[in-house]
């Protein structure tokens, strides 16, 4: 998917560094959402929904790079991504159906 596995292999970050980067990206996403929803103290940042989308993709890429680093091969990454997305979306669907 978008060469995430290959890019991850070329990037020297450790798993710990990637996890910290994900926390950073999640913070940037939260900041953009707070600004867009005009949460008190956040309006001055003037973020747009485009900023929210961009930060969401940044967080998703880092999360996928963690999955890639925790996979033994590109095939393992692809299979685990498909398996886990199906499993987690199925659980989400079950919760919505309750």
C-alpha atoms as a PDB file:
ATOM      1  CA  UNK A   1       0.000   0.000   0.000  1.00  0.00           C
ATOM      2  CA  UNK A   2       1.672   3.170  -1.269  1.00  0.00           C
ATOM      3  CA  UNK A   3       5.092   1.517  -0.717  1.00  0.00           C
ATOM      4  CA  UNK A   4       4.763   1.953   3.055  1.00  0.00           C
ATOM      5  CA  UNK A   5       6.518  -1.358   3.701  1.00  0.00           C
ATOM      6  CA  UNK A   6       9.470  -0.474   1.452  1.00  0.00           C
ATOM      7  CA  UNK A   7       9.750   3.072   2.793  1.00  0.00           C
ATOM      8  CA  UNK A   8       9.724   1.724   6.342  1.00  0.00           C
ATOM      9  CA  UNK A   9      12.615  -0.609   5.546  1.00  0.00           C
ATOM     10  CA  UNK A  10      14.681   2.342   4.284  1.00  0.00           C
ATOM     11  CA  UNK A  11      13.910   4.507   7.332  1.00  0.00           C
ATOM     12  CA  UNK A  12      16.271   3.866  10.279  1.00  0.00           C
ATOM     13  CA  UNK A  13      13.763   4.785  13.020  1.00  0.00           C
ATOM     14  CA  UNK A  14      13.322   2.292  15.828  1.00  0.00           C
ATOM     15  CA  UNK A  15       9.906   0.955  16.800  1.00  0.00           C
ATOM     16  CA  UNK A  16      10.041   3.207  19.862  1.00  0.00           C
ATOM     17  CA  UNK A  17      10.808   6.266  17.716  1.00  0.00           C
ATOM     18  CA  UNK A  18       7.911   5.434  15.415  1.00  0.00           C
ATOM     19  CA  UNK A  19       5.537   5.095  18.365  1.00  0.00           C
ATOM     20  CA  UNK A  20       6.630   8.490  19.666  1.00  0.00           C
ATOM     21  CA  UNK A  21       6.204   9.956  16.177  1.00  0.00           C
ATOM     22  CA  UNK A  22       2.662   8.553  16.117  1.00  0.00           C
ATOM     23  CA  UNK A  23       1.935  10.308  19.421  1.00  0.00           C
ATOM     24  CA  UNK A  24       3.258  13.546  17.905  1.00  0.00           C
ATOM     25  CA  UNK A  25       1.073  13.148  14.813  1.00  0.00           C
ATOM     26  CA  UNK A  26      -1.971  12.345  16.966  1.00  0.00           C
ATOM     27  CA  UNK A  27      -1.348  15.568  18.866  1.00  0.00           C
ATOM     28  CA  UNK A  28      -1.189  17.548  15.633  1.00  0.00           C
ATOM     29  CA  UNK A  29      -4.440  15.930  14.496  1.00  0.00           C
ATOM     30  CA  UNK A  30      -6.092  16.780  17.802  1.00  0.00           C
ATOM     31  CA  UNK A  31      -4.881  20.364  17.497  1.00  0.00           C
ATOM     32  CA  UNK A  32      -6.394  20.688  14.019  1.00  0.00           C
ATOM     33  CA  UNK A  33      -9.718  19.178  15.161  1.00  0.00           C
ATOM     34  CA  UNK A  34      -9.867  21.488  18.170  1.00  0.00           C
ATOM     35  CA  UNK A  35      -9.267  24.479  15.913  1.00  0.00           C
ATOM     36  CA  UNK A  36     -11.858  23.439  13.316  1.00  0.00           C
ATOM     37  CA  UNK A  37     -14.487  22.801  16.000  1.00  0.00           C
ATOM     38  CA  UNK A  38     -13.640  26.135  17.621  1.00  0.00           C
ATOM     39  CA  UNK A  39     -12.820  24.615  20.979  1.00  0.00           C
ATOM     40  CA  UNK A  40     -12.053  27.306  23.553  1.00  0.00           C
ATOM     41  CA  UNK A  41      -8.470  28.491  23.244  1.00  0.00           C
ATOM     42  CA  UNK A  42      -7.938  26.874  19.836  1.00  0.00           C
ATOM     43  CA  UNK A  43      -9.726  29.190  17.419  1.00  0.00           C
ATOM     44  CA  UNK A  44      -6.674  31.368  16.765  1.00  0.00           C
ATOM     45  CA  UNK A  45      -4.894  28.548  14.925  1.00  0.00           C
ATOM     46  CA  UNK A  46      -7.379  28.803  12.038  1.00  0.00           C
ATOM     47  CA  UNK A  47      -7.067  25.210  10.835  1.00  0.00           C
ATOM     48  CA  UNK A  48      -9.367  23.923   8.096  1.00  0.00           C
ATOM     49  CA  UNK A  49     -10.908  20.544   7.375  1.00  0.00           C
ATOM     50  CA  UNK A  50      -8.108  20.148   4.834  1.00  0.00           C
ATOM     51  CA  UNK A  51      -5.640  20.390   7.719  1.00  0.00           C
ATOM     52  CA  UNK A  52      -7.632  17.740   9.608  1.00  0.00           C
ATOM     53  CA  UNK A  53      -7.483  15.418   6.594  1.00  0.00           C
ATOM     54  CA  UNK A  54      -3.748  15.984   6.154  1.00  0.00           C
ATOM     55  CA  UNK A  55      -2.985  15.313   9.817  1.00  0.00           C
ATOM     56  CA  UNK A  56      -5.194  12.205   9.768  1.00  0.00           C
ATOM     57  CA  UNK A  57      -3.200  10.836   6.832  1.00  0.00           C
ATOM     58  CA  UNK A  58       0.104  11.664   8.562  1.00  0.00           C
ATOM     59  CA  UNK A  59      -1.044   9.685  11.615  1.00  0.00           C
ATOM     60  CA  UNK A  60      -2.267   6.799   9.449  1.00  0.00           C
ATOM     61  CA  UNK A  61       1.054   6.592   7.576  1.00  0.00           C
ATOM     62  CA  UNK A  62       3.042   6.451  10.803  1.00  0.00           C
ATOM     63  CA  UNK A  63       0.673   3.826  12.250  1.00  0.00           C
ATOM     64  CA  UNK A  64       1.076   1.730   9.105  1.00  0.00           C
ATOM     65  CA  UNK A  65       4.855   2.096   9.285  1.00  0.00           C
ATOM     66  CA  UNK A  66       4.692   0.603  12.789  1.00  0.00           C
ATOM     67  CA  UNK A  67       2.741  -2.359  11.412  1.00  0.00           C
ATOM     68  CA  UNK A  68       5.301  -2.650   8.604  1.00  0.00           C
ATOM     69  CA  UNK A  69       8.225  -2.651  11.023  1.00  0.00           C
ATOM     70  CA  UNK A  70       6.501  -5.326  13.114  1.00  0.00           C
ATOM     71  CA  UNK A  71       6.059  -7.520  10.003  1.00  0.00           C
ATOM     72  CA  UNK A  72       8.622  -9.992   8.728  1.00  0.00           C
ATOM     73  CA  UNK A  73       8.021  -9.314   5.020  1.00  0.00           C
ATOM     74  CA  UNK A  74       5.945  -7.251   2.627  1.00  0.00           C
ATOM     75  CA  UNK A  75       3.638 -10.242   2.178  1.00  0.00           C
ATOM     76  CA  UNK A  76       3.238 -10.510   5.963  1.00  0.00           C
ATOM     77  CA  UNK A  77       2.503  -6.764   6.140  1.00  0.00           C
ATOM     78  CA  UNK A  78      -0.131  -6.971   3.389  1.00  0.00           C
ATOM     79  CA  UNK A  79      -1.750 -10.056   4.919  1.00  0.00           C
ATOM     80  CA  UNK A  80      -1.777  -8.645   8.444  1.00  0.00           C
ATOM     81  CA  UNK A  81      -3.157  -5.327   7.248  1.00  0.00           C
ATOM     82  CA  UNK A  82      -6.007  -7.072   5.439  1.00  0.00           C
ATOM     83  CA  UNK A  83      -6.668  -9.488   8.313  1.00  0.00           C
ATOM     84  CA  UNK A  84      -6.553  -6.915  11.078  1.00  0.00           C
ATOM     85  CA  UNK A  85      -8.572  -4.294   9.193  1.00  0.00           C
ATOM     86  CA  UNK A  86     -11.306  -6.872   8.510  1.00  0.00           C
ATOM     87  CA  UNK A  87     -11.254  -8.036  12.139  1.00  0.00           C
ATOM     88  CA  UNK A  88     -11.288  -4.553  13.677  1.00  0.00           C
ATOM     89  CA  UNK A  89     -13.944  -3.206  11.274  1.00  0.00           C
ATOM     90  CA  UNK A  90     -16.093  -6.256  12.003  1.00  0.00           C
ATOM     91  CA  UNK A  91     -15.813  -5.554  15.743  1.00  0.00           C
ATOM     92  CA  UNK A  92     -16.716  -1.905  15.123  1.00  0.00           C
ATOM     93  CA  UNK A  93     -19.754  -3.024  13.102  1.00  0.00           C
ATOM     94  CA  UNK A  94     -20.824  -5.333  15.932  1.00  0.00           C
ATOM     95  CA  UNK A  95     -20.648  -2.463  18.430  1.00  0.00           C
ATOM     96  CA  UNK A  96     -22.736  -0.246  16.159  1.00  0.00           C
ATOM     97  CA  UNK A  97     -25.339  -3.000  15.822  1.00  0.00           C
ATOM     98  CA  UNK A  98     -25.826  -3.391  19.587  1.00  0.00           C
END
